[in-house]
Amino acid sequence: MKLNIDDWKEFKISSICSIHNGKGITKEEIDDNPGTFPAVQSGEENNGVLGYIDLDYCKSMNYTLSEKPCLTVARSGSAGYVSYQPTGCVVGDSAKILLLKNRQPGKYQYLFLQTILTANRFKYAYGRKVTEEKYGNDIINLPVLRGSDNAPVIDKTHKYSECGYVPDWTFMERYMGALHDKTWEKLKLLFITET
């Protein structure tokens, strides 16, 4: 599958994703309330996962969490670093949860967006923090849904963009799936030739 980014259109991040601010979670809390639920802060190592905490404890503390797959973005430190959290997570005050709006997303759609959003990371260099307003107003380019005449499909409700463009979620899913399959095939070939 080829990428023709010349045909992509602009979208505000806030029109694609809802942004949820984290609340303070400390390493001590994680140690005192061990569990299996990922606790994410702003680091790059281990997808930003600081440790694993008890989900019921997080709920009782009214912490910001998602029990379904999501993206996280570092607010400070490694500001702008985006991770995919396949099982959901709770975020501390130095991270935010990003959830795709208006749909039940697949893994590959999130991975596609992770790549696009990570390309914007440079905007948060030199101590600039990720704020909900600034991040939400950032513009990203995405492939758009097209009709049989190859013209962009326009959504009259303007759910995703002021111009009515609709992201092509199916293309994103297929593209990342194809990359995954190619990588898996290469790994299998490597394994077969080395044994």
N, C-alpha and C. Protein backbone atom coordinates (compact mmCIF):
# COMPACT_ATOMS: atom_id res chain seq x y z
N MET A 1 0.84 -1.19 0.00
CA MET A 1 0.00 0.00 0.00
C MET A 1 0.87 1.24 0.00
N LYS A 2 0.57 2.13 -0.90
CA LYS A 2 1.34 3.36 -0.99
C LYS A 2 0.66 4.48 -0.22
N LEU A 3 1.49 5.33 0.34
CA LEU A 3 0.97 6.53 0.99
C LEU A 3 1.10 7.70 0.04
N ASN A 4 -0.02 8.36 -0.21
CA ASN A 4 0.01 9.57 -1.02
C ASN A 4 -0.43 10.71 -0.10
N ILE A 5 0.51 11.25 0.63
CA ILE A 5 0.16 12.26 1.64
C ILE A 5 -0.27 13.58 1.03
N ASP A 6 -0.06 13.77 -0.27
CA ASP A 6 -0.51 15.00 -0.93
C ASP A 6 -2.03 15.13 -0.89
N ASP A 7 -2.72 14.00 -0.82
CA ASP A 7 -4.19 14.00 -0.81
C ASP A 7 -4.78 14.06 0.60
N TRP A 8 -3.94 14.07 1.61
CA TRP A 8 -4.44 14.10 2.98
C TRP A 8 -4.97 15.49 3.32
N LYS A 9 -5.84 15.55 4.29
CA LYS A 9 -6.46 16.82 4.70
C LYS A 9 -6.15 17.11 6.17
N GLU A 10 -6.35 18.36 6.55
CA GLU A 10 -6.03 18.81 7.91
C GLU A 10 -7.19 18.56 8.87
N PHE A 11 -6.81 18.15 10.08
CA PHE A 11 -7.77 17.93 11.16
C PHE A 11 -7.17 18.46 12.46
N LYS A 12 -8.00 19.09 13.28
CA LYS A 12 -7.57 19.45 14.63
C LYS A 12 -7.56 18.18 15.46
N ILE A 13 -6.56 18.05 16.32
CA ILE A 13 -6.51 16.87 17.18
C ILE A 13 -7.78 16.76 18.01
N SER A 14 -8.30 17.88 18.50
CA SER A 14 -9.50 17.84 19.35
C SER A 14 -10.75 17.39 18.59
N SER A 15 -10.73 17.43 17.25
CA SER A 15 -11.88 16.94 16.49
C SER A 15 -11.80 15.43 16.27
N ILE A 16 -10.61 14.88 16.47
CA ILE A 16 -10.38 13.45 16.29
C ILE A 16 -10.39 12.71 17.63
N CYS A 17 -9.76 13.34 18.62
CA CYS A 17 -9.57 12.70 19.94
C CYS A 17 -10.13 13.54 21.07
N SER A 18 -10.67 12.87 22.07
CA SER A 18 -10.97 13.55 23.33
C SER A 18 -9.70 13.48 24.17
N ILE A 19 -9.43 14.54 24.90
CA ILE A 19 -8.20 14.66 25.68
C ILE A 19 -8.57 14.69 27.16
N HIS A 20 -7.97 13.78 27.94
CA HIS A 20 -8.30 13.65 29.35
C HIS A 20 -7.05 13.89 30.19
N ASN A 21 -7.09 14.91 31.03
CA ASN A 21 -5.95 15.27 31.87
C ASN A 21 -5.80 14.30 33.05
N GLY A 22 -4.55 13.94 33.32
CA GLY A 22 -4.27 13.05 34.43
C GLY A 22 -4.26 13.78 35.76
N LYS A 23 -4.24 12.98 36.82
CA LYS A 23 -4.16 13.50 38.19
C LYS A 23 -2.99 12.81 38.87
N GLY A 24 -2.45 13.44 39.89
CA GLY A 24 -1.24 12.96 40.56
C GLY A 24 -1.27 11.53 41.05
N ILE A 25 -0.41 10.72 40.52
CA ILE A 25 -0.18 9.36 41.01
C ILE A 25 1.30 9.26 41.31
N THR A 26 1.62 8.78 42.48
CA THR A 26 3.03 8.68 42.87
C THR A 26 3.50 7.24 42.80
N LYS A 27 4.80 7.08 42.74
CA LYS A 27 5.41 5.74 42.76
C LYS A 27 5.04 5.03 44.06
N GLU A 28 4.97 5.79 45.16
CA GLU A 28 4.61 5.21 46.45
C GLU A 28 3.19 4.64 46.41
N GLU A 29 2.28 5.36 45.76
CA GLU A 29 0.90 4.85 45.63
C GLU A 29 0.88 3.53 44.86
N ILE A 30 1.67 3.48 43.82
CA ILE A 30 1.73 2.25 43.02
C ILE A 30 2.28 1.12 43.88
N ASP A 31 3.35 1.40 44.64
CA ASP A 31 3.94 0.38 45.51
C ASP A 31 2.96 -0.06 46.60
N ASP A 32 2.18 0.90 47.14
CA ASP A 32 1.25 0.59 48.23
C ASP A 32 -0.05 -0.06 47.76
N ASN A 33 -0.35 0.06 46.46
CA ASN A 33 -1.60 -0.48 45.90
C ASN A 33 -1.30 -1.27 44.63
N PRO A 34 -0.49 -2.33 44.75
CA PRO A 34 -0.07 -3.07 43.55
C PRO A 34 -1.25 -3.73 42.84
N GLY A 35 -1.12 -3.84 41.55
CA GLY A 35 -2.16 -4.48 40.75
C GLY A 35 -1.64 -4.79 39.37
N THR A 36 -2.55 -4.85 38.41
CA THR A 36 -2.18 -5.21 37.04
C THR A 36 -2.51 -4.11 36.03
N PHE A 37 -3.00 -2.97 36.52
CA PHE A 37 -3.43 -1.89 35.64
C PHE A 37 -2.27 -0.92 35.42
N PRO A 38 -1.89 -0.65 34.16
CA PRO A 38 -0.74 0.23 33.89
C PRO A 38 -0.98 1.66 34.39
N ALA A 39 0.01 2.20 35.07
CA ALA A 39 0.01 3.60 35.51
C ALA A 39 1.04 4.34 34.66
N VAL A 40 0.59 5.34 33.91
CA VAL A 40 1.44 6.02 32.93
C VAL A 40 1.76 7.44 33.38
N GLN A 41 3.03 7.80 33.22
CA GLN A 41 3.47 9.18 33.44
C GLN A 41 4.16 9.63 32.16
N SER A 42 5.13 10.50 32.26
CA SER A 42 5.68 11.15 31.07
C SER A 42 6.92 10.50 30.47
N GLY A 43 7.39 9.42 30.98
CA GLY A 43 8.61 8.82 30.45
C GLY A 43 8.43 8.12 29.12
N GLU A 44 9.55 7.94 28.43
CA GLU A 44 9.52 7.23 27.15
C GLU A 44 9.75 5.74 27.33
N GLU A 45 10.50 5.38 28.35
CA GLU A 45 10.81 3.96 28.56
C GLU A 45 9.54 3.20 28.94
N ASN A 46 9.46 1.99 28.45
CA ASN A 46 8.35 1.10 28.79
C ASN A 46 6.99 1.74 28.47
N ASN A 47 6.92 2.47 27.37
CA ASN A 47 5.68 3.14 26.94
C ASN A 47 5.13 4.13 27.96
N GLY A 48 6.01 4.65 28.81
CA GLY A 48 5.59 5.60 29.82
C GLY A 48 5.02 4.96 31.07
N VAL A 49 5.00 3.62 31.10
CA VAL A 49 4.42 2.91 32.25
C VAL A 49 5.38 2.99 33.43
N LEU A 50 4.89 3.61 34.49
CA LEU A 50 5.67 3.78 35.72
C LEU A 50 5.60 2.53 36.59
N GLY A 51 4.50 1.81 36.50
CA GLY A 51 4.28 0.60 37.29
C GLY A 51 2.85 0.13 37.08
N TYR A 52 2.45 -0.84 37.90
CA TYR A 52 1.11 -1.42 37.78
C TYR A 52 0.40 -1.27 39.11
N ILE A 53 -0.84 -0.78 39.03
CA ILE A 53 -1.59 -0.39 40.22
C ILE A 53 -2.95 -1.09 40.22
N ASP A 54 -3.59 -1.12 41.37
CA ASP A 54 -4.90 -1.73 41.51
C ASP A 54 -5.97 -0.84 40.87
N LEU A 55 -6.74 -1.40 39.96
CA LEU A 55 -7.76 -0.64 39.23
C LEU A 55 -8.83 -0.10 40.17
N ASP A 56 -9.27 -0.91 41.12
CA ASP A 56 -10.31 -0.45 42.05
C ASP A 56 -9.82 0.74 42.88
N TYR A 57 -8.55 0.72 43.25
CA TYR A 57 -7.99 1.86 43.99
C TYR A 57 -8.07 3.13 43.12
N CYS A 58 -7.70 3.01 41.85
CA CYS A 58 -7.75 4.16 40.94
C CYS A 58 -9.16 4.71 40.82
N LYS A 59 -10.13 3.81 40.72
CA LYS A 59 -11.53 4.23 40.63
C LYS A 59 -11.96 4.94 41.90
N SER A 60 -11.55 4.40 43.06
CA SER A 60 -11.94 5.01 44.34
C SER A 60 -11.33 6.40 44.50
N MET A 61 -10.17 6.63 43.87
CA MET A 61 -9.50 7.93 43.95
C MET A 61 -9.97 8.87 42.83
N ASN A 62 -10.87 8.36 41.97
CA ASN A 62 -11.39 9.15 40.85
C ASN A 62 -10.27 9.62 39.92
N TYR A 63 -9.28 8.76 39.70
CA TYR A 63 -8.19 9.09 38.80
C TYR A 63 -8.65 8.99 37.35
N THR A 64 -7.95 9.66 36.46
CA THR A 64 -8.26 9.64 35.04
C THR A 64 -7.75 8.33 34.45
N LEU A 65 -8.68 7.55 33.90
CA LEU A 65 -8.29 6.24 33.37
C LEU A 65 -9.17 5.85 32.20
N SER A 66 -8.69 4.88 31.46
CA SER A 66 -9.46 4.26 30.38
C SER A 66 -9.27 2.76 30.52
N GLU A 67 -10.36 2.04 30.53
CA GLU A 67 -10.28 0.58 30.59
C GLU A 67 -10.27 -0.04 29.20
N LYS A 68 -10.26 0.79 28.19
CA LYS A 68 -10.16 0.30 26.82
C LYS A 68 -8.89 0.86 26.19
N PRO A 69 -8.44 0.29 25.08
CA PRO A 69 -7.21 0.80 24.44
C PRO A 69 -7.28 2.30 24.22
N CYS A 70 -6.11 2.94 24.31
CA CYS A 70 -6.04 4.39 24.17
C CYS A 70 -4.61 4.80 23.82
N LEU A 71 -4.44 6.06 23.56
CA LEU A 71 -3.11 6.66 23.42
C LEU A 71 -2.87 7.51 24.66
N THR A 72 -1.61 7.69 25.00
CA THR A 72 -1.25 8.64 26.05
C THR A 72 -0.21 9.59 25.47
N VAL A 73 -0.24 10.81 25.96
CA VAL A 73 0.75 11.80 25.54
C VAL A 73 1.38 12.39 26.79
N ALA A 74 2.71 12.49 26.77
CA ALA A 74 3.44 13.06 27.90
C ALA A 74 3.23 14.57 27.91
N ARG A 75 2.87 15.11 29.07
CA ARG A 75 2.62 16.54 29.22
C ARG A 75 3.90 17.31 29.45
N SER A 76 4.82 16.71 30.19
CA SER A 76 6.09 17.36 30.52
C SER A 76 7.19 16.31 30.46
N GLY A 77 8.40 16.72 30.75
CA GLY A 77 9.52 15.76 30.67
C GLY A 77 9.76 15.37 29.24
N SER A 78 9.21 14.26 28.82
CA SER A 78 9.29 13.80 27.43
C SER A 78 8.10 14.35 26.66
N ALA A 79 7.81 15.62 26.84
CA ALA A 79 6.59 16.26 26.32
C ALA A 79 6.36 15.94 24.85
N GLY A 80 5.12 15.54 24.55
CA GLY A 80 4.74 15.23 23.18
C GLY A 80 4.94 13.78 22.81
N TYR A 81 5.61 13.00 23.68
CA TYR A 81 5.81 11.57 23.40
C TYR A 81 4.46 10.86 23.49
N VAL A 82 4.09 10.12 22.45
CA VAL A 82 2.80 9.44 22.39
C VAL A 82 3.02 7.93 22.45
N SER A 83 2.24 7.26 23.29
CA SER A 83 2.32 5.80 23.43
C SER A 83 0.94 5.18 23.20
N TYR A 84 0.97 3.96 22.74
CA TYR A 84 -0.26 3.18 22.61
C TYR A 84 -0.37 2.28 23.83
N GLN A 85 -1.52 2.31 24.48
CA GLN A 85 -1.77 1.49 25.67
C GLN A 85 -2.85 0.47 25.30
N PRO A 86 -2.47 -0.76 24.96
CA PRO A 86 -3.43 -1.73 24.43
C PRO A 86 -4.49 -2.19 25.42
N THR A 87 -4.22 -2.10 26.72
CA THR A 87 -5.20 -2.56 27.72
C THR A 87 -5.79 -1.41 28.50
N GLY A 88 -5.57 -0.18 28.03
CA GLY A 88 -6.00 0.97 28.79
C GLY A 88 -4.99 1.29 29.87
N CYS A 89 -5.25 2.34 30.67
CA CYS A 89 -4.30 2.74 31.71
C CYS A 89 -4.91 3.85 32.56
N VAL A 90 -4.20 4.18 33.62
CA VAL A 90 -4.49 5.36 34.41
C VAL A 90 -3.31 6.31 34.19
N VAL A 91 -3.58 7.62 34.13
CA VAL A 91 -2.49 8.57 33.89
C VAL A 91 -2.32 9.50 35.08
N GLY A 92 -1.05 9.78 35.36
CA GLY A 92 -0.72 10.75 36.38
C GLY A 92 -0.77 12.16 35.81
N ASP A 93 -0.39 13.13 36.62
CA ASP A 93 -0.53 14.53 36.19
C ASP A 93 0.48 14.96 35.14
N SER A 94 1.41 14.10 34.77
CA SER A 94 2.34 14.49 33.70
C SER A 94 2.03 13.78 32.39
N ALA A 95 0.79 13.28 32.27
CA ALA A 95 0.36 12.63 31.03
C ALA A 95 -1.12 12.88 30.79
N LYS A 96 -1.55 12.61 29.57
CA LYS A 96 -2.96 12.76 29.19
C LYS A 96 -3.38 11.51 28.41
N ILE A 97 -4.65 11.17 28.51
CA ILE A 97 -5.21 10.08 27.72
C ILE A 97 -5.88 10.68 26.49
N LEU A 98 -5.65 10.03 25.34
CA LEU A 98 -6.30 10.41 24.08
C LEU A 98 -7.18 9.25 23.64
N LEU A 99 -8.47 9.53 23.46
CA LEU A 99 -9.41 8.52 22.98
C LEU A 99 -10.02 9.00 21.68
N LEU A 100 -10.08 8.11 20.69
CA LEU A 100 -10.72 8.47 19.43
C LEU A 100 -12.19 8.75 19.67
N LYS A 101 -12.68 9.81 19.07
CA LYS A 101 -14.09 10.19 19.21
C LYS A 101 -14.94 9.44 18.18
N ASN A 102 -16.19 9.27 18.52
CA ASN A 102 -17.23 8.83 17.58
C ASN A 102 -17.00 7.47 16.94
N ARG A 103 -16.23 6.61 17.59
CA ARG A 103 -16.02 5.30 16.98
C ARG A 103 -15.38 4.35 17.98
N GLN A 104 -15.47 3.06 17.67
CA GLN A 104 -14.78 2.03 18.44
C GLN A 104 -13.52 1.70 17.65
N PRO A 105 -12.40 2.31 18.02
CA PRO A 105 -11.19 2.17 17.20
C PRO A 105 -10.52 0.81 17.36
N GLY A 106 -9.79 0.47 16.32
CA GLY A 106 -8.96 -0.72 16.35
C GLY A 106 -7.52 -0.37 16.71
N LYS A 107 -6.78 -1.38 17.02
CA LYS A 107 -5.37 -1.22 17.39
C LYS A 107 -4.59 -0.46 16.32
N TYR A 108 -4.80 -0.84 15.06
CA TYR A 108 -3.99 -0.24 14.00
C TYR A 108 -4.35 1.22 13.74
N GLN A 109 -5.59 1.59 14.00
CA GLN A 109 -5.95 3.01 13.86
C GLN A 109 -5.20 3.83 14.91
N TYR A 110 -5.13 3.30 16.13
CA TYR A 110 -4.38 4.00 17.17
C TYR A 110 -2.88 4.04 16.82
N LEU A 111 -2.35 2.96 16.29
CA LEU A 111 -0.93 2.95 15.95
C LEU A 111 -0.62 3.93 14.81
N PHE A 112 -1.54 4.04 13.86
CA PHE A 112 -1.38 5.01 12.77
C PHE A 112 -1.34 6.42 13.36
N LEU A 113 -2.30 6.73 14.22
CA LEU A 113 -2.34 8.06 14.85
C LEU A 113 -1.13 8.31 15.73
N GLN A 114 -0.68 7.28 16.42
CA GLN A 114 0.52 7.43 17.27
C GLN A 114 1.69 7.94 16.43
N THR A 115 1.85 7.37 15.25
CA THR A 115 2.94 7.77 14.36
C THR A 115 2.77 9.22 13.91
N ILE A 116 1.56 9.59 13.52
CA ILE A 116 1.29 10.96 13.06
C ILE A 116 1.50 11.95 14.20
N LEU A 117 0.96 11.64 15.37
CA LEU A 117 1.08 12.55 16.52
C LEU A 117 2.51 12.69 16.99
N THR A 118 3.27 11.62 16.92
CA THR A 118 4.67 11.67 17.34
C THR A 118 5.47 12.61 16.45
N ALA A 119 5.07 12.72 15.18
CA ALA A 119 5.76 13.64 14.27
C ALA A 119 5.61 15.10 14.73
N ASN A 120 4.60 15.40 15.54
CA ASN A 120 4.39 16.75 16.06
C ASN A 120 5.15 17.01 17.36
N ARG A 121 5.87 16.04 17.82
CA ARG A 121 6.54 16.14 19.12
C ARG A 121 7.50 17.33 19.21
N PHE A 122 8.10 17.70 18.11
CA PHE A 122 9.07 18.80 18.10
C PHE A 122 8.46 20.10 18.64
N LYS A 123 7.15 20.25 18.56
CA LYS A 123 6.49 21.47 19.03
C LYS A 123 6.61 21.65 20.54
N TYR A 124 6.96 20.57 21.22
CA TYR A 124 7.00 20.62 22.69
C TYR A 124 8.42 20.48 23.22
N ALA A 125 9.38 20.79 22.37
CA ALA A 125 10.79 20.77 22.80
C ALA A 125 11.09 22.02 23.63
N TYR A 126 12.22 22.01 24.25
CA TYR A 126 12.73 23.16 25.01
C TYR A 126 11.80 23.58 26.14
N GLY A 127 11.27 22.61 26.85
CA GLY A 127 10.51 22.90 28.05
C GLY A 127 9.06 23.30 27.84
N ARG A 128 8.58 23.29 26.59
CA ARG A 128 7.17 23.62 26.36
C ARG A 128 6.31 22.44 26.80
N LYS A 129 5.31 22.70 27.61
CA LYS A 129 4.44 21.64 28.10
C LYS A 129 3.24 21.45 27.19
N VAL A 130 2.74 20.23 27.19
CA VAL A 130 1.52 19.91 26.45
C VAL A 130 0.33 20.34 27.31
N THR A 131 -0.41 21.32 26.83
CA THR A 131 -1.66 21.70 27.50
C THR A 131 -2.82 21.20 26.66
N GLU A 132 -3.95 21.00 27.31
CA GLU A 132 -5.10 20.47 26.59
C GLU A 132 -5.50 21.39 25.44
N GLU A 133 -5.53 22.70 25.68
CA GLU A 133 -5.95 23.64 24.65
C GLU A 133 -4.96 23.66 23.49
N LYS A 134 -3.68 23.78 23.79
CA LYS A 134 -2.67 23.85 22.73
C LYS A 134 -2.64 22.54 21.93
N TYR A 135 -2.61 21.42 22.64
CA TYR A 135 -2.55 20.13 21.95
C TYR A 135 -3.80 19.90 21.12
N GLY A 136 -4.95 20.23 21.69
CA GLY A 136 -6.21 20.05 20.96
C GLY A 136 -6.29 20.88 19.70
N ASN A 137 -5.64 22.05 19.69
CA ASN A 137 -5.66 22.92 18.52
C ASN A 137 -4.59 22.59 17.49
N ASP A 138 -3.67 21.69 17.83
CA ASP A 138 -2.66 21.28 16.85
C ASP A 138 -3.34 20.63 15.65
N ILE A 139 -2.74 20.83 14.49
CA ILE A 139 -3.28 20.29 13.24
C ILE A 139 -2.44 19.10 12.80
N ILE A 140 -3.14 18.04 12.41
CA ILE A 140 -2.47 16.88 11.81
C ILE A 140 -3.12 16.62 10.46
N ASN A 141 -2.38 16.00 9.57
CA ASN A 141 -2.89 15.60 8.26
C ASN A 141 -3.18 14.11 8.28
N LEU A 142 -4.35 13.75 7.74
CA LEU A 142 -4.77 12.35 7.70
C LEU A 142 -5.37 12.02 6.34
N PRO A 143 -5.33 10.74 5.96
CA PRO A 143 -6.02 10.33 4.74
C PRO A 143 -7.53 10.50 4.94
N VAL A 144 -8.23 10.85 3.87
CA VAL A 144 -9.67 11.08 3.98
C VAL A 144 -10.46 10.06 3.16
N LEU A 145 -11.67 9.84 3.63
CA LEU A 145 -12.59 8.94 2.95
C LEU A 145 -12.95 9.54 1.60
N ARG A 146 -12.95 8.69 0.58
CA ARG A 146 -13.25 9.14 -0.78
C ARG A 146 -14.36 8.29 -1.37
N GLY A 147 -15.14 8.93 -2.24
CA GLY A 147 -16.22 8.23 -2.93
C GLY A 147 -15.71 7.48 -4.14
N SER A 148 -16.63 6.88 -4.88
CA SER A 148 -16.25 6.11 -6.08
C SER A 148 -15.63 6.98 -7.15
N ASP A 149 -15.92 8.29 -7.12
CA ASP A 149 -15.32 9.22 -8.08
C ASP A 149 -13.98 9.77 -7.59
N ASN A 150 -13.50 9.26 -6.48
CA ASN A 150 -12.24 9.64 -5.84
C ASN A 150 -12.28 11.04 -5.21
N ALA A 151 -13.44 11.66 -5.19
CA ALA A 151 -13.58 12.96 -4.51
C ALA A 151 -13.78 12.70 -3.02
N PRO A 152 -13.28 13.59 -2.17
CA PRO A 152 -13.47 13.41 -0.73
C PRO A 152 -14.96 13.37 -0.36
N VAL A 153 -15.31 12.46 0.51
CA VAL A 153 -16.67 12.40 1.05
C VAL A 153 -16.81 13.55 2.04
N ILE A 154 -17.89 14.30 1.93
CA ILE A 154 -18.12 15.44 2.82
C ILE A 154 -19.25 15.11 3.78
N ASP A 155 -18.96 15.23 5.06
CA ASP A 155 -19.94 15.01 6.12
C ASP A 155 -20.61 16.35 6.43
N LYS A 156 -21.90 16.42 6.20
CA LYS A 156 -22.62 17.68 6.39
C LYS A 156 -22.67 18.13 7.86
N THR A 157 -22.43 17.21 8.79
CA THR A 157 -22.43 17.59 10.21
C THR A 157 -21.09 18.16 10.64
N HIS A 158 -20.08 18.02 9.79
CA HIS A 158 -18.73 18.54 10.08
C HIS A 158 -18.20 18.00 11.42
N LYS A 159 -18.42 16.73 11.63
CA LYS A 159 -18.03 16.07 12.88
C LYS A 159 -16.52 16.09 13.09
N TYR A 160 -15.75 15.94 12.02
CA TYR A 160 -14.30 15.84 12.16
C TYR A 160 -13.52 17.07 11.69
N SER A 161 -14.10 17.83 10.77
CA SER A 161 -13.38 19.01 10.29
C SER A 161 -14.36 20.08 9.85
N GLU A 162 -13.89 21.31 9.87
CA GLU A 162 -14.73 22.43 9.45
C GLU A 162 -15.13 22.30 7.98
N CYS A 163 -14.30 21.64 7.20
CA CYS A 163 -14.60 21.45 5.77
C CYS A 163 -15.47 20.22 5.52
N GLY A 164 -15.71 19.41 6.55
CA GLY A 164 -16.54 18.23 6.40
C GLY A 164 -15.79 16.97 6.00
N TYR A 165 -14.48 17.02 5.95
CA TYR A 165 -13.71 15.83 5.61
C TYR A 165 -13.85 14.77 6.70
N VAL A 166 -13.77 13.52 6.28
CA VAL A 166 -13.89 12.38 7.20
C VAL A 166 -12.61 11.56 7.10
N PRO A 167 -11.94 11.29 8.22
CA PRO A 167 -10.74 10.44 8.15
C PRO A 167 -11.08 9.06 7.59
N ASP A 168 -10.18 8.52 6.83
CA ASP A 168 -10.36 7.18 6.26
C ASP A 168 -9.81 6.15 7.24
N TRP A 169 -10.64 5.80 8.22
CA TRP A 169 -10.21 4.87 9.27
C TRP A 169 -9.88 3.49 8.71
N THR A 170 -10.62 3.06 7.68
CA THR A 170 -10.37 1.75 7.08
C THR A 170 -8.98 1.71 6.44
N PHE A 171 -8.62 2.77 5.74
CA PHE A 171 -7.30 2.82 5.13
C PHE A 171 -6.22 2.73 6.21
N MET A 172 -6.38 3.49 7.30
CA MET A 172 -5.38 3.47 8.38
C MET A 172 -5.22 2.07 8.94
N GLU A 173 -6.35 1.41 9.17
CA GLU A 173 -6.34 0.04 9.72
C GLU A 173 -5.62 -0.91 8.76
N ARG A 174 -5.97 -0.83 7.49
CA ARG A 174 -5.36 -1.73 6.49
C ARG A 174 -3.87 -1.45 6.31
N TYR A 175 -3.52 -0.18 6.28
CA TYR A 175 -2.12 0.19 6.06
C TYR A 175 -1.24 -0.34 7.19
N MET A 176 -1.64 -0.08 8.43
CA MET A 176 -0.83 -0.54 9.56
C MET A 176 -0.85 -2.07 9.67
N GLY A 177 -1.99 -2.67 9.34
CA GLY A 177 -2.06 -4.13 9.33
C GLY A 177 -1.12 -4.74 8.31
N ALA A 178 -1.04 -4.10 7.13
CA ALA A 178 -0.14 -4.58 6.09
C ALA A 178 1.31 -4.45 6.53
N LEU A 179 1.65 -3.33 7.17
CA LEU A 179 3.01 -3.18 7.69
C LEU A 179 3.33 -4.25 8.72
N HIS A 180 2.37 -4.53 9.60
CA HIS A 180 2.56 -5.55 10.63
C HIS A 180 2.77 -6.92 9.98
N ASP A 181 1.92 -7.22 8.98
CA ASP A 181 2.04 -8.52 8.31
C ASP A 181 3.38 -8.66 7.61
N LYS A 182 3.85 -7.59 6.95
CA LYS A 182 5.15 -7.64 6.26
C LYS A 182 6.27 -7.87 7.27
N THR A 183 6.20 -7.17 8.39
CA THR A 183 7.23 -7.33 9.42
C THR A 183 7.21 -8.76 9.95
N TRP A 184 6.01 -9.28 10.18
CA TRP A 184 5.88 -10.65 10.70
C TRP A 184 6.45 -11.64 9.68
N GLU A 185 6.16 -11.43 8.41
CA GLU A 185 6.69 -12.32 7.37
C GLU A 185 8.22 -12.26 7.34
N LYS A 186 8.78 -11.05 7.46
CA LYS A 186 10.24 -10.91 7.47
C LYS A 186 10.84 -11.61 8.68
N LEU A 187 10.19 -11.50 9.84
CA LEU A 187 10.69 -12.18 11.04
C LEU A 187 10.63 -13.70 10.88
N LYS A 188 9.54 -14.18 10.28
CA LYS A 188 9.42 -15.63 10.07
C LYS A 188 10.52 -16.11 9.13
N LEU A 189 10.76 -15.36 8.05
CA LEU A 189 11.81 -15.74 7.10
C LEU A 189 13.18 -15.74 7.78
N LEU A 190 13.43 -14.73 8.58
CA LEU A 190 14.69 -14.65 9.31
C LEU A 190 14.86 -15.85 10.24
N PHE A 191 13.79 -16.19 10.94
CA PHE A 191 13.85 -17.31 11.86
C PHE A 191 14.09 -18.62 11.12
N ILE A 192 13.40 -18.80 9.99
CA ILE A 192 13.54 -20.04 9.20
C ILE A 192 14.95 -20.16 8.66
N THR A 193 15.54 -19.06 8.16
CA THR A 193 16.88 -19.14 7.57
C THR A 193 17.97 -19.30 8.62
N GLU A 194 17.69 -18.89 9.88
CA GLU A 194 18.71 -19.02 10.92
C GLU A 194 18.68 -20.36 11.62
N THR A 195 17.61 -21.13 11.43
CA THR A 195 17.52 -22.42 12.14
C THR A 195 17.91 -23.58 11.25
